[in-house]
C-alpha atoms as a PDB file:
ATOM      1  CA  MET A   1       1.644 -15.014 -35.529  1.00  0.00           C
ATOM      2  CA  ARG A   2      -1.801 -14.119 -34.227  1.00  0.00           C
ATOM      3  CA  SER A   3      -0.991 -15.930 -30.961  1.00  0.00           C
ATOM      4  CA  VAL A   4       2.229 -13.915 -30.531  1.00  0.00           C
ATOM      5  CA  LEU A   5       0.425 -10.615 -31.103  1.00  0.00           C
ATOM      6  CA  SER A   6      -2.416 -11.502 -28.743  1.00  0.00           C
ATOM      7  CA  ILE A   7      -0.029 -12.542 -25.953  1.00  0.00           C
ATOM      8  CA  PHE A   8       2.033  -9.404 -26.579  1.00  0.00           C
ATOM      9  CA  SER A   9      -1.019  -7.135 -26.578  1.00  0.00           C
ATOM     10  CA  LEU A  10      -2.375  -8.725 -23.432  1.00  0.00           C
ATOM     11  CA  SER A  11       0.984  -8.563 -21.679  1.00  0.00           C
ATOM     12  CA  VAL A  12       1.592  -4.907 -22.444  1.00  0.00           C
ATOM     13  CA  PHE A  13      -1.975  -3.950 -21.605  1.00  0.00           C
ATOM     14  CA  LEU A  14      -1.930  -5.804 -18.273  1.00  0.00           C
ATOM     15  CA  ALA A  15       1.510  -4.548 -17.338  1.00  0.00           C
ATOM     16  CA  PHE A  16       0.386  -0.993 -17.101  1.00  0.00           C
ATOM     17  CA  LEU A  17      -3.282  -1.430 -16.371  1.00  0.00           C
ATOM     18  CA  LEU A  18      -2.510  -3.544 -13.313  1.00  0.00           C
ATOM     19  CA  LEU A  19       0.560  -1.574 -12.259  1.00  0.00           C
ATOM     20  CA  PRO A  20      -0.595   0.057  -9.019  1.00  0.00           C
ATOM     21  CA  GLU A  21       0.091   3.681  -8.251  1.00  0.00           C
ATOM     22  CA  ILE A  22       3.410   4.390  -6.568  1.00  0.00           C
ATOM     23  CA  ASN A  23       2.757   6.081  -3.245  1.00  0.00           C
ATOM     24  CA  SER A  24       5.052   8.755  -1.937  1.00  0.00           C
ATOM     25  CA  PHE A  25       6.896   8.722   1.365  1.00  0.00           C
ATOM     26  CA  SER A  26       5.230  12.026   2.220  1.00  0.00           C
ATOM     27  CA  GLN A  27       1.545  12.590   2.786  1.00  0.00           C
ATOM     28  CA  VAL A  28      -0.559  12.898  -0.371  1.00  0.00           C
ATOM     29  CA  ASP A  29      -4.057  14.353  -0.284  1.00  0.00           C
ATOM     30  CA  GLN A  30      -7.025  12.145  -1.166  1.00  0.00           C
ATOM     31  CA  ALA A  31      -7.605  13.770  -4.560  1.00  0.00           C
ATOM     32  CA  SER A  32      -4.154  12.815  -5.811  1.00  0.00           C
ATOM     33  CA  LYS A  33      -4.676   9.194  -4.668  1.00  0.00           C
ATOM     34  CA  GLU A  34      -7.628   8.874  -7.063  1.00  0.00           C
ATOM     35  CA  ILE A  35      -5.697   9.374 -10.286  1.00  0.00           C
ATOM     36  CA  PRO A  36      -7.390   7.525 -13.118  1.00  0.00           C
ATOM     37  CA  SER A  37      -5.374   4.670 -14.599  1.00  0.00           C
ATOM     38  CA  GLU A  38      -7.613   4.075 -17.602  1.00  0.00           C
ATOM     39  CA  GLY A  39      -6.943   4.740 -21.223  1.00  0.00           C
ATOM     40  CA  PRO A  40      -4.567   3.389 -23.776  1.00  0.00           C
ATOM     41  CA  ILE A  41      -0.943   2.550 -23.093  1.00  0.00           C
ATOM     42  CA  VAL A  42       1.518   3.799 -25.671  1.00  0.00           C
ATOM     43  CA  ILE A  43       5.041   2.370 -25.662  1.00  0.00           C
ATOM     44  CA  HIS A  44       7.802   3.649 -27.902  1.00  0.00           C
ATOM     45  CA  SER A  45      11.242   2.034 -28.206  1.00  0.00           C
ATOM     46  CA  ASN A  46      13.914   1.496 -30.814  1.00  0.00           C
ATOM     47  CA  SER A  47      13.283  -2.272 -30.826  1.00  0.00           C
ATOM     48  CA  LEU A  48      10.913  -4.910 -29.527  1.00  0.00           C
ATOM     49  CA  GLU A  49      11.537  -8.623 -29.026  1.00  0.00           C
ATOM     50  CA  ILE A  50       8.992 -11.254 -28.022  1.00  0.00           C
ATOM     51  CA  ASP A  51      10.270 -14.575 -26.642  1.00  0.00           C
ATOM     52  CA  GLN A  52       7.380 -16.970 -25.956  1.00  0.00           C
ATOM     53  CA  GLN A  53       9.720 -19.661 -24.604  1.00  0.00           C
ATOM     54  CA  LYS A  54      10.952 -17.323 -21.885  1.00  0.00           C
ATOM     55  CA  ARG A  55       7.570 -15.579 -21.529  1.00  0.00           C
ATOM     56  CA  LEU A  56       9.360 -12.283 -22.017  1.00  0.00           C
ATOM     57  CA  VAL A  57       8.686  -9.096 -23.949  1.00  0.00           C
ATOM     58  CA  THR A  58      11.743  -6.800 -24.262  1.00  0.00           C
ATOM     59  CA  PHE A  59      11.619  -3.140 -25.297  1.00  0.00           C
ATOM     60  CA  GLU A  60      15.013  -1.572 -25.915  1.00  0.00           C
ATOM     61  CA  GLY A  61      16.409   1.857 -26.747  1.00  0.00           C
ATOM     62  CA  LYS A  62      14.843   5.103 -25.493  1.00  0.00           C
ATOM     63  CA  VAL A  63      11.832   3.289 -24.024  1.00  0.00           C
ATOM     64  CA  ARG A  64       8.874   5.475 -23.112  1.00  0.00           C
ATOM     65  CA  ALA A  65       5.711   3.933 -21.706  1.00  0.00           C
ATOM     66  CA  ARG A  66       2.875   6.420 -21.320  1.00  0.00           C
ATOM     67  CA  ARG A  67      -0.488   6.108 -19.645  1.00  0.00           C
ATOM     68  CA  ASP A  68      -2.915   8.889 -18.694  1.00  0.00           C
ATOM     69  CA  ASP A  69      -1.459   9.216 -15.196  1.00  0.00           C
ATOM     70  CA  MET A  70       2.154   8.049 -15.584  1.00  0.00           C
ATOM     71  CA  VAL A  71       5.206   8.028 -17.851  1.00  0.00           C
ATOM     72  CA  VAL A  72       8.105   5.586 -17.461  1.00  0.00           C
ATOM     73  CA  ASP A  73      11.317   6.346 -19.338  1.00  0.00           C
ATOM     74  CA  CYS A  74      14.257   3.943 -19.431  1.00  0.00           C
ATOM     75  CA  GLN A  75      16.764   2.351 -21.785  1.00  0.00           C
ATOM     76  CA  LYS A  76      15.382  -1.198 -21.548  1.00  0.00           C
ATOM     77  CA  MET A  77      12.127  -2.701 -20.255  1.00  0.00           C
ATOM     78  CA  LEU A  78      11.629  -6.423 -19.619  1.00  0.00           C
ATOM     79  CA  VAL A  79       8.056  -7.630 -19.141  1.00  0.00           C
ATOM     80  CA  TYR A  80       7.781 -11.176 -17.735  1.00  0.00           C
ATOM     81  CA  TYR A  81       4.442 -12.921 -17.833  1.00  0.00           C
ATOM     82  CA  LEU A  82       3.235 -16.036 -16.026  1.00  0.00           C
ATOM     83  CA  GLU A  83       3.568 -19.661 -17.136  1.00  0.00           C
ATOM     84  CA  ASN A  84       1.076 -21.751 -19.080  1.00  0.00           C
ATOM     85  CA  PRO A  85      -2.391 -21.871 -17.519  1.00  0.00           C
ATOM     86  CA  THR A  86      -3.271 -24.526 -14.984  1.00  0.00           C
ATOM     87  CA  LYS A  87      -6.523 -26.435 -15.355  1.00  0.00           C
ATOM     88  CA  LYS A  88      -8.283 -23.804 -13.232  1.00  0.00           C
ATOM     89  CA  GLU A  89      -6.864 -20.786 -15.103  1.00  0.00           C
ATOM     90  CA  SER A  90      -7.955 -19.405 -18.424  1.00  0.00           C
ATOM     91  CA  ASN A  91      -5.483 -18.300 -21.095  1.00  0.00           C
ATOM     92  CA  MET A  92      -6.136 -14.689 -20.063  1.00  0.00           C
ATOM     93  CA  GLU A  93      -5.171 -15.396 -16.444  1.00  0.00           C
ATOM     94  CA  ALA A  94      -2.005 -17.171 -17.582  1.00  0.00           C
ATOM     95  CA  GLY A  95      -1.002 -14.102 -19.626  1.00  0.00           C
ATOM     96  CA  ARG A  96      -0.835 -11.962 -16.473  1.00  0.00           C
ATOM     97  CA  ILE A  97       2.304 -10.013 -15.771  1.00  0.00           C
ATOM     98  CA  ASP A  98       4.672 -11.503 -13.194  1.00  0.00           C
ATOM     99  CA  LYS A  99       7.143  -8.639 -13.017  1.00  0.00           C
ATOM    100  CA  ILE A 100       8.463  -5.686 -14.979  1.00  0.00           C
ATOM    101  CA  ILE A 101      12.118  -4.645 -14.921  1.00  0.00           C
ATOM    102  CA  ALA A 102      13.077  -1.173 -16.124  1.00  0.00           C
ATOM    103  CA  LEU A 103      16.810  -0.637 -16.665  1.00  0.00           C
ATOM    104  CA  GLY A 104      19.094   2.311 -17.403  1.00  0.00           C
ATOM    105  CA  ASN A 105      18.264   5.866 -16.370  1.00  0.00           C
ATOM    106  CA  VAL A 106      14.803   4.945 -15.127  1.00  0.00           C
ATOM    107  CA  THR A 107      12.490   7.864 -14.507  1.00  0.00           C
ATOM    108  CA  ILE A 108       8.901   7.485 -13.334  1.00  0.00           C
ATOM    109  CA  ASN A 109       6.769  10.615 -13.589  1.00  0.00           C
ATOM    110  CA  ARG A 110       3.261  10.591 -12.197  1.00  0.00           C
ATOM    111  CA  SER A 111       0.601  13.186 -12.731  1.00  0.00           C
ATOM    112  CA  ASP A 112       0.399  13.799  -8.952  1.00  0.00           C
ATOM    113  CA  GLY A 113       3.951  15.192  -9.063  1.00  0.00           C
ATOM    114  CA  LEU A 114       5.827  12.140  -7.843  1.00  0.00           C
ATOM    115  CA  ILE A 115       9.141  11.574  -9.605  1.00  0.00           C
ATOM    116  CA  ALA A 116      11.275   8.486  -9.011  1.00  0.00           C
ATOM    117  CA  ARG A 117      14.721   7.963 -10.503  1.00  0.00           C
ATOM    118  CA  ALA A 118      16.972   4.923 -10.355  1.00  0.00           C
ATOM    119  CA  GLY A 119      19.315   2.812 -12.446  1.00  0.00           C
ATOM    120  CA  LYS A 120      16.928  -0.116 -12.021  1.00  0.00           C
ATOM    121  CA  ALA A 121      13.274  -0.534 -10.995  1.00  0.00           C
ATOM    122  CA  VAL A 122      11.594  -3.891 -10.516  1.00  0.00           C
ATOM    123  CA  PHE A 123       7.789  -4.004 -10.236  1.00  0.00           C
ATOM    124  CA  TYR A 124       6.436  -7.169  -8.593  1.00  0.00           C
ATOM    125  CA  GLN A 125       2.780  -7.554  -9.555  1.00  0.00           C
ATOM    126  CA  ASN A 126       1.615 -10.139  -6.984  1.00  0.00           C
ATOM    127  CA  GLU A 127       3.346  -8.426  -4.096  1.00  0.00           C
ATOM    128  CA  GLU A 128       2.282  -4.947  -5.221  1.00  0.00           C
ATOM    129  CA  LYS A 129       5.709  -3.503  -4.632  1.00  0.00           C
ATOM    130  CA  ALA A 130       8.463  -1.762  -6.551  1.00  0.00           C
ATOM    131  CA  VAL A 131      12.133  -2.040  -5.677  1.00  0.00           C
ATOM    132  CA  LEU A 132      14.387   0.797  -6.852  1.00  0.00           C
ATOM    133  CA  THR A 133      18.167   0.310  -6.849  1.00  0.00           C
ATOM    134  CA  GLU A 134      21.285   1.893  -8.332  1.00  0.00           C
ATOM    135  CA  ASN A 135      21.155   5.368  -6.753  1.00  0.00           C
ATOM    136  CA  PRO A 136      17.380   5.568  -6.245  1.00  0.00           C
ATOM    137  CA  VAL A 137      15.698   8.860  -5.396  1.00  0.00           C
ATOM    138  CA  VAL A 138      11.984   9.501  -4.870  1.00  0.00           C
ATOM    139  CA  GLN A 139      10.783  13.087  -4.915  1.00  0.00           C
ATOM    140  CA  GLN A 140       7.443  14.814  -4.522  1.00  0.00           C
ATOM    141  CA  GLY A 141       7.552  18.577  -4.631  1.00  0.00           C
ATOM    142  CA  PRO A 142      10.628  19.737  -2.743  1.00  0.00           C
ATOM    143  CA  ASP A 143      10.665  16.627  -0.489  1.00  0.00           C
ATOM    144  CA  PHE A 144      12.870  13.668  -1.398  1.00  0.00           C
ATOM    145  CA  VAL A 145      14.489  10.529  -0.056  1.00  0.00           C
ATOM    146  CA  GLU A 146      17.453   8.578  -1.297  1.00  0.00           C
ATOM    147  CA  GLY A 147      19.358   5.516  -0.200  1.00  0.00           C
ATOM    148  CA  HIS A 148      20.953   2.291  -1.357  1.00  0.00           C
ATOM    149  CA  ARG A 149      17.561   0.654  -2.022  1.00  0.00           C
ATOM    150  CA  ILE A 150      13.984   1.974  -1.904  1.00  0.00           C
ATOM    151  CA  ILE A 151      11.062  -0.398  -1.565  1.00  0.00           C
ATOM    152  CA  LEU A 152       7.627   1.047  -2.355  1.00  0.00           C
ATOM    153  CA  PHE A 153       4.652  -0.975  -1.079  1.00  0.00           C
ATOM    154  CA  LEU A 154       2.229   0.211  -3.694  1.00  0.00           C
ATOM    155  CA  GLY A 155      -1.072  -0.687  -2.079  1.00  0.00           C
ATOM    156  CA  GLU A 156      -0.124   0.360   1.449  1.00  0.00           C
ATOM    157  CA  ASN A 157       1.150   3.932   1.149  1.00  0.00           C
ATOM    158  CA  ARG A 158       4.341   2.683   2.831  1.00  0.00           C
ATOM    159  CA  SER A 159       8.010   2.738   1.862  1.00  0.00           C
ATOM    160  CA  ILE A 160      11.273   1.401   3.190  1.00  0.00           C
ATOM    161  CA  ILE A 161      14.489   3.254   2.399  1.00  0.00           C
ATOM    162  CA  GLU A 162      17.604   1.196   3.118  1.00  0.00           C
ATOM    163  CA  GLY A 163      21.157   2.401   3.448  1.00  0.00           C
ATOM    164  CA  SER A 164      24.435   0.560   3.092  1.00  0.00           C
ATOM    165  CA  GLU A 165      27.954   0.971   4.403  1.00  0.00           C
ATOM    166  CA  THR A 166      28.789   3.333   1.560  1.00  0.00           C
ATOM    167  CA  LYS A 167      25.422   5.059   1.071  1.00  0.00           C
ATOM    168  CA  ARG A 168      23.382   6.228   4.037  1.00  0.00           C
ATOM    169  CA  VAL A 169      19.705   7.125   3.882  1.00  0.00           C
ATOM    170  CA  LYS A 170      19.010  10.796   3.303  1.00  0.00           C
ATOM    171  CA  ALA A 171      15.608  12.468   3.599  1.00  0.00           C
ATOM    172  CA  THR A 172      14.901  16.119   2.949  1.00  0.00           C
ATOM    173  CA  ILE A 173      11.419  17.110   4.030  1.00  0.00           C
ATOM    174  CA  PHE A 174      10.204  20.672   4.007  1.00  0.00           C
ATOM    175  CA  PRO A 175       7.547  21.833   6.487  1.00  0.00           C
ATOM    176  CA  LYS A 176       4.107  22.093   4.950  1.00  0.00           C
ATOM    177  CA  GLU A 177       2.355  25.445   5.251  1.00  0.00           C
ATOM    178  CA  GLU A 178      -1.054  25.408   6.870  1.00  0.00           C
ATOM    179  CA  LYS A 179      -3.815  26.659   4.588  1.00  0.00           C
ATOM    180  CA  GLU A 180      -5.923  29.416   6.087  1.00  0.00           C
ATOM    181  CA  LYS A 181      -9.604  28.569   6.408  1.00  0.00           C
END
């Protein structure tokens, strides 16, 4: 039982501690890029299941994951962690998060004002990217983009918004007012 709790604690902690900031498609000033990502992670859900065989932690039912700088709301969250350690890896390294899948009315709210909504969001830890599908929209202030699929390259301040035959890319960007000096 202690092993299950330690793997669970490590997995949840790493999932949100290592989850890079989602960068907006519009310009963000330097102060908002330096949002602290420290502090405890609090996750609420109606149920929790840990499957060590599958290396999977599942939160289900009104899931809310909160950190100082970000809140993720969804109906179901799947946290996959890496395989058994190799000879060169420690147990802690093997417990790293591989990917996180948020499903059902996913909303990501960041303290810098960025709001992302989708039916599904997949966070790939090693690639430092998030893929939003099922009617994704990313908004910061009045500006927003939407498309068939939105790929956020988390460490690069870069995004790709893809359309499809039935859903074209749409961007609404309002001119920024110059501040008087």
